[in-house]
Amino acid sequence: MEKRWRVSSNPHVRSKVTTNGIMMAVVLALLPATGFGIYNFGFRALLHILITVASTVIMEFLFGLYKKKLTVTDLSAVVTGLLLALNLPVGAPLWMGALGGVFAILVVKMLFGGLGQNFMNPALAARCFLLISFPAQMTNFVCDAYTGATPLTALKAGEAVNVTDMILGRTAGTIGETSMIALIIGACFLILLGVIDLRIPGSYIVSFAVFVLLFGGRGLDLPYLSAQLAGGGLMLGAFFMATDYVTRPITVKGQYVFGIFLGIMTGIFRIFGPGAEGVSYAIILGNLLAPLIEKVTMPRAFGKGGAAHVRK
C-alpha cells in the first residue's frame, strides 16, 4: 500500500504572538516616556509626535497602495514614527520629523522589502540622517523649559550635573530620552510580557559602565558613572532600539556579543569622540555587523563539526 506523507515548511510550532501584538506592546511601553516628554516640553512635543507618526503611517500606506499590499495595520510604522519623534529635540522644526519619517519608511524600510528586510533600525537611521543633514537643529536643545546645555554636554566640559534631575527627567534633551524612570517602567513592561529580555540591554549597559570606569579618566567616580548611565539616549536605545527583532543577531551568544559591542562603541563615541552622545551611531554600526556576528556565533549542527554528547 502506497504511503503518502504530508510535508510542510517549518516552523512547525505555531504561536499566538503576532507582529501587531508585539508592536502594540512596544507602543504601550513607550507611553510613560512619551507622556513625560509632553509634560516636560509642552504642546510642541505633542505636535512633533503627531506629525512624525503621521508621516511614517501615511508613507507606508502610500507605498502599500503602490505595491498593492497594505502593511500599515501591523503598527510597525507607528513604532518607527514614535521612536523617531522621541529622538528629536523639541526645538527642531516640525517639518524635520516628517522628513525623517519619510526617509525611515521609504528609504530604510520599504525599498529593502518592508518589515523584516531592513538592515538597520529605521528610526535610528532617520535620526542619523537628520543629524548629518541638519546638525545645528538636531543638537539645539534650547527650549522654553530649558536653556542650558544637556547633562552629557556639561559632563564633557567637566562641569557638575544633577544626577537626580537626570533620573527624574528634569533636564534638557530629546523628547523621550530625559526620564530614566519612565523608560525603565516601559522596559519592565516589555520584559514581563516576554517581548524582550535582558541579554542585549544588560550586556550593553554593563559593558558601557565598565568602559566608562576603565577609560573615563575619573576612576571609581560613581556620580559620574551614574550621570553617564542616566544621560542621553542610552536607556531608550538599549531597551527599545537595540532589541529590535529585525536588526539584532538571532543567536544567543550573538546577542551578548552585540550588546558588548554597543557598550564599547558608545563609550568610545562619548569619551573619545568630539560629541557628547553616541548611542545612535553605535546601534547603527551594530546593525551593520549583525549578520557577521550571527555567522560567527551560529551553533554548528550535529555532524557538521558541532560537539557531540555521548553517554558513557
Protein backbone atom coordinates (compact mmCIF):
# COMPACT_ATOMS: atom_id res chain seq x y z
CA MET A 1 0.00 0.00 0.00
CA GLU A 2 1.40 3.38 -1.01
CA LYS A 3 2.07 5.72 1.89
CA ARG A 4 1.67 9.43 1.40
CA TRP A 5 3.31 11.79 3.83
CA ARG A 6 2.23 15.38 4.28
CA VAL A 7 5.28 17.64 4.30
CA SER A 8 5.03 21.29 5.33
CA SER A 9 7.61 24.00 5.67
CA ASN A 10 9.00 24.92 9.06
CA PRO A 11 8.42 26.22 11.66
CA HIS A 12 6.03 23.53 12.78
CA VAL A 13 5.32 25.04 16.19
CA ARG A 14 2.74 27.80 15.94
CA SER A 15 2.50 30.76 18.26
CA LYS A 16 -0.25 33.22 19.04
CA VAL A 17 2.28 36.05 19.07
CA THR A 18 1.72 38.42 16.14
CA THR A 19 3.61 41.37 14.75
CA ASN A 20 0.64 43.57 15.56
CA GLY A 21 0.65 42.39 19.17
CA ILE A 22 4.38 42.99 19.59
CA MET A 23 4.17 46.47 18.10
CA MET A 24 1.20 47.36 20.28
CA ALA A 25 3.18 46.26 23.35
CA VAL A 26 6.09 48.50 22.31
CA VAL A 27 3.74 51.45 21.82
CA LEU A 28 2.24 50.92 25.27
CA ALA A 29 5.71 50.58 26.80
CA LEU A 30 6.72 53.90 25.27
CA LEU A 31 3.71 55.74 26.67
CA PRO A 32 5.37 56.66 30.02
CA ALA A 33 8.34 58.27 28.24
CA THR A 34 6.01 59.86 25.67
CA GLY A 35 3.70 61.27 28.33
CA PHE A 36 6.58 62.62 30.35
CA GLY A 37 8.12 64.17 27.25
CA ILE A 38 4.89 66.04 26.55
CA TYR A 39 4.65 67.10 30.20
CA ASN A 40 8.30 68.15 30.26
CA PHE A 41 8.44 70.06 26.97
CA GLY A 42 4.85 71.11 26.38
CA PHE A 43 2.45 71.13 23.45
CA ARG A 44 5.20 71.37 20.83
CA ALA A 45 6.44 67.93 21.84
CA LEU A 46 2.95 66.54 21.17
CA LEU A 47 2.97 68.19 17.74
CA HIS A 48 6.32 66.59 16.93
CA ILE A 49 4.98 63.18 17.90
CA LEU A 50 1.74 63.51 15.94
CA ILE A 51 3.42 64.85 12.80
CA THR A 52 6.23 62.29 12.81
CA VAL A 53 3.93 59.32 13.41
CA ALA A 54 1.54 60.59 10.75
CA SER A 55 4.38 60.85 8.24
CA THR A 56 5.51 57.26 8.79
CA VAL A 57 1.98 55.85 8.67
CA ILE A 58 1.00 57.82 5.55
CA MET A 59 4.25 56.91 3.77
CA GLU A 60 3.78 53.22 4.46
CA PHE A 61 0.13 53.42 3.39
CA LEU A 62 1.01 55.12 0.11
CA PHE A 63 3.79 52.67 -0.63
CA GLY A 64 1.42 49.82 0.17
CA LEU A 65 -1.10 51.20 -2.33
CA TYR A 66 1.66 51.36 -4.95
CA LYS A 67 2.71 47.76 -4.25
CA LYS A 68 -0.93 46.66 -3.77
CA LYS A 69 -0.03 45.19 -0.39
CA LEU A 70 -1.07 47.17 2.66
CA THR A 71 1.04 46.50 5.76
CA VAL A 72 0.26 49.63 7.73
CA THR A 73 -2.07 47.73 10.09
CA ASP A 74 0.85 45.87 11.70
CA LEU A 75 1.67 49.10 13.63
CA SER A 76 5.39 48.91 12.80
CA ALA A 77 5.16 52.33 11.12
CA VAL A 78 3.61 53.74 14.30
CA VAL A 79 6.51 52.38 16.37
CA THR A 80 9.05 53.82 13.92
CA GLY A 81 7.41 57.24 13.96
CA LEU A 82 7.08 57.29 17.73
CA LEU A 83 10.72 56.27 18.30
CA LEU A 84 11.92 58.86 15.82
CA ALA A 85 9.84 61.58 17.47
CA LEU A 86 11.21 60.67 20.89
CA ASN A 87 14.72 61.10 19.47
CA LEU A 88 14.07 64.67 18.28
CA PRO A 89 14.83 67.87 20.21
CA VAL A 90 11.64 69.75 20.88
CA GLY A 91 13.04 72.92 19.30
CA ALA A 92 13.62 71.29 15.91
CA PRO A 93 11.40 72.46 13.02
CA LEU A 94 8.19 70.45 12.82
CA TRP A 95 8.85 69.50 9.20
CA MET A 96 12.06 67.76 10.22
CA GLY A 97 10.23 64.90 11.91
CA ALA A 98 8.07 64.44 8.81
CA LEU A 99 11.16 64.35 6.58
CA GLY A 100 12.80 61.82 8.87
CA GLY A 101 9.65 59.71 8.90
CA VAL A 102 9.54 59.57 5.09
CA PHE A 103 13.25 58.64 4.98
CA ALA A 104 12.78 55.91 7.62
CA ILE A 105 9.87 54.22 5.85
CA LEU A 106 10.70 54.79 2.19
CA VAL A 107 14.50 54.53 2.07
CA VAL A 108 15.41 52.31 5.02
CA LYS A 109 12.38 50.02 5.22
CA MET A 110 10.27 49.74 2.07
CA LEU A 111 12.97 49.93 -0.58
CA PHE A 112 14.64 46.96 1.08
CA GLY A 113 11.50 44.83 1.10
CA GLY A 114 9.49 46.06 4.07
CA LEU A 115 9.31 44.84 7.65
CA GLY A 116 11.83 42.06 8.28
CA GLN A 117 14.08 43.04 5.38
CA ASN A 118 15.55 46.34 6.60
CA PHE A 119 19.21 46.03 7.56
CA MET A 120 19.20 48.80 10.17
CA ASN A 121 16.71 50.29 12.59
CA PRO A 122 14.59 52.74 10.53
CA ALA A 123 14.05 55.25 13.35
CA LEU A 124 17.74 55.43 14.22
CA ALA A 125 18.76 55.55 10.58
CA ALA A 126 16.41 58.51 10.11
CA ARG A 127 17.82 60.23 13.20
CA CYS A 128 21.38 59.80 11.91
CA PHE A 129 20.25 61.11 8.52
CA LEU A 130 18.82 64.21 10.20
CA LEU A 131 21.92 64.64 12.39
CA ILE A 132 24.18 64.59 9.34
CA SER A 133 21.89 66.80 7.24
CA PHE A 134 20.86 69.32 9.90
CA PRO A 135 23.43 69.16 12.73
CA ALA A 136 22.66 72.61 14.13
CA GLN A 137 18.92 71.98 14.51
CA MET A 138 19.34 68.42 15.77
CA THR A 139 21.80 69.43 18.50
CA ASN A 140 19.99 72.56 19.67
CA PHE A 141 18.22 71.64 22.90
CA VAL A 142 17.31 75.16 23.97
CA CYS A 143 13.57 75.49 24.56
CA ASP A 144 11.09 77.28 26.80
CA ALA A 145 11.61 74.75 29.59
CA TYR A 146 15.42 74.54 29.48
CA THR A 147 18.03 76.95 28.21
CA GLY A 148 21.27 75.28 29.32
CA ALA A 149 23.34 72.50 27.80
CA THR A 150 22.35 68.87 28.11
CA PRO A 151 23.84 66.95 31.05
CA LEU A 152 26.13 64.93 28.76
CA THR A 153 27.46 68.12 27.18
CA ALA A 154 28.10 69.51 30.65
CA LEU A 155 29.90 66.31 31.64
CA LYS A 156 32.01 66.52 28.51
CA ALA A 157 33.02 70.04 29.51
CA GLY A 158 33.95 68.87 33.02
CA GLU A 159 31.00 70.56 34.71
CA ALA A 160 28.93 69.11 37.54
CA VAL A 161 25.43 67.79 36.86
CA ASN A 162 22.44 66.89 38.99
CA VAL A 163 22.03 63.12 38.69
CA THR A 164 18.66 63.16 40.47
CA ASP A 165 17.25 65.54 37.88
CA MET A 166 18.59 63.27 35.15
CA ILE A 167 16.91 60.22 36.63
CA LEU A 168 13.60 62.03 37.05
CA GLY A 169 13.84 63.80 33.69
CA ARG A 170 14.10 67.45 34.68
CA THR A 171 16.80 68.14 32.09
CA ALA A 172 17.28 69.21 28.51
CA GLY A 173 17.49 66.54 25.83
CA THR A 174 15.38 64.89 23.18
CA ILE A 175 11.66 64.47 23.79
CA GLY A 176 11.77 60.89 25.02
CA GLU A 177 15.22 60.34 26.48
CA THR A 178 15.22 62.58 29.56
CA SER A 179 13.32 60.48 32.13
CA MET A 180 15.24 57.35 33.07
CA ILE A 181 12.40 56.25 35.35
CA ALA A 182 9.78 56.44 32.59
CA LEU A 183 11.98 54.42 30.24
CA ILE A 184 12.69 51.76 32.87
CA ILE A 185 8.97 51.41 33.59
CA GLY A 186 8.32 50.78 29.90
CA ALA A 187 11.24 48.36 29.67
CA CYS A 188 9.95 46.35 32.64
CA PHE A 189 6.58 46.13 30.91
CA LEU A 190 8.18 44.61 27.80
CA ILE A 191 10.30 42.21 29.87
CA LEU A 192 7.27 40.99 31.85
CA LEU A 193 5.38 40.38 28.60
CA GLY A 194 8.32 38.45 27.20
CA VAL A 195 8.70 40.82 24.25
CA ILE A 196 12.35 41.49 25.12
CA ASP A 197 14.88 40.01 27.51
CA LEU A 198 17.96 41.35 29.23
CA ARG A 199 20.63 39.78 27.00
CA ILE A 200 21.21 42.79 24.77
CA PRO A 201 20.28 45.70 27.09
CA GLY A 202 22.02 44.08 30.06
CA SER A 203 25.28 43.38 28.23
CA TYR A 204 25.05 46.82 26.59
CA ILE A 205 24.67 48.76 29.82
CA VAL A 206 27.17 46.68 31.83
CA SER A 207 29.87 46.83 29.13
CA PHE A 208 29.34 50.56 28.76
CA ALA A 209 29.66 51.04 32.53
CA VAL A 210 32.88 49.01 32.60
CA PHE A 211 34.26 51.02 29.68
CA VAL A 212 33.49 54.30 31.46
CA LEU A 213 35.19 53.09 34.64
CA LEU A 214 38.29 51.99 32.75
CA PHE A 215 38.67 54.80 30.24
CA GLY A 216 36.55 57.67 31.54
CA GLY A 217 39.52 59.21 33.32
CA ARG A 218 37.54 59.60 36.55
CA GLY A 219 38.31 56.28 38.24
CA LEU A 220 35.62 54.90 40.53
CA ASP A 221 33.57 58.10 40.38
CA LEU A 222 30.04 56.79 40.96
CA PRO A 223 28.24 60.12 40.42
CA TYR A 224 30.00 60.46 37.05
CA LEU A 225 29.13 56.88 36.12
CA SER A 226 25.50 57.39 37.21
CA ALA A 227 25.25 60.51 35.08
CA GLN A 228 26.61 58.66 32.05
CA LEU A 229 24.07 55.88 32.54
CA ALA A 230 21.11 58.20 33.12
CA GLY A 231 22.00 60.76 30.48
CA GLY A 232 21.35 60.84 26.76
CA GLY A 233 19.70 58.07 24.81
CA LEU A 234 21.36 55.08 26.50
CA MET A 235 18.24 53.66 28.16
CA LEU A 236 15.99 54.46 25.21
CA GLY A 237 18.45 52.86 22.81
CA ALA A 238 19.31 49.84 24.95
CA PHE A 239 15.75 48.72 25.69
CA PHE A 240 13.74 49.96 22.73
CA MET A 241 16.02 50.08 19.67
CA ALA A 242 18.94 47.71 20.20
CA THR A 243 16.40 44.95 20.90
CA ASP A 244 14.70 45.36 17.50
CA TYR A 245 13.92 41.82 16.28
CA VAL A 246 14.91 42.53 12.69
CA THR A 247 18.28 44.21 13.15
CA ARG A 248 19.69 42.32 16.15
CA PRO A 249 21.50 38.94 15.95
CA ILE A 250 19.27 35.90 16.35
CA THR A 251 21.79 33.72 18.21
CA VAL A 252 22.02 33.83 21.99
CA LYS A 253 25.80 34.27 22.02
CA GLY A 254 25.49 36.78 19.23
CA GLN A 255 23.13 38.93 21.27
CA TYR A 256 25.66 39.13 24.10
CA VAL A 257 28.43 39.99 21.63
CA PHE A 258 26.12 42.57 20.04
CA GLY A 259 25.37 44.21 23.40
CA ILE A 260 29.05 44.32 24.39
CA PHE A 261 29.95 45.85 21.03
CA LEU A 262 27.30 48.54 21.51
CA GLY A 263 28.57 49.34 25.00
CA ILE A 264 32.16 49.69 23.83
CA MET A 265 31.25 51.79 20.79
CA THR A 266 29.01 54.09 22.84
CA GLY A 267 31.86 54.55 25.32
CA ILE A 268 34.29 55.38 22.51
CA PHE A 269 31.91 57.91 20.97
CA ARG A 270 31.10 59.58 24.28
CA ILE A 271 34.53 59.68 25.88
CA PHE A 272 36.91 59.98 22.93
CA GLY A 273 34.64 61.45 20.27
CA PRO A 274 34.01 65.15 19.66
CA GLY A 275 30.34 64.90 20.65
CA ALA A 276 28.69 64.06 23.95
CA GLU A 277 26.41 61.29 22.64
CA GLY A 278 26.94 58.17 20.55
CA VAL A 279 24.09 55.72 21.10
CA SER A 280 22.53 56.15 17.64
CA TYR A 281 25.76 55.63 15.73
CA ALA A 282 26.76 52.69 17.93
CA ILE A 283 23.48 50.85 17.29
CA ILE A 284 23.60 51.57 13.56
CA LEU A 285 27.13 50.12 13.38
CA GLY A 286 25.93 47.14 15.38
CA ASN A 287 23.05 46.63 12.94
CA LEU A 288 25.51 46.54 10.04
CA LEU A 289 27.65 43.94 11.82
CA ALA A 290 24.72 41.79 12.99
CA PRO A 291 24.91 39.33 10.04
CA LEU A 292 28.64 38.79 10.70
CA ILE A 293 28.01 38.31 14.42
CA GLU A 294 25.33 35.74 13.61
CA LYS A 295 27.65 33.88 11.26
CA VAL A 296 30.44 33.69 13.83
CA THR A 297 28.18 32.68 16.74
CA MET A 298 25.82 30.32 14.90
CA PRO A 299 25.86 26.88 16.60
CA ARG A 300 27.13 24.11 14.34
CA ALA A 301 24.72 21.30 13.55
CA PHE A 302 25.47 17.80 14.81
CA GLY A 303 27.64 16.01 12.26
CA LYS A 304 28.93 19.31 10.84
CA GLY A 305 31.61 19.93 13.41
CA GLY A 306 29.35 20.53 16.40
CA ALA A 307 30.09 18.97 19.76
CA ALA A 308 28.65 15.50 20.20
CA HIS A 309 27.33 14.41 23.56
CA VAL A 310 27.98 10.71 24.09
CA ARG A 311 26.52 8.92 27.09
CA LYS A 312 29.09 6.64 28.67
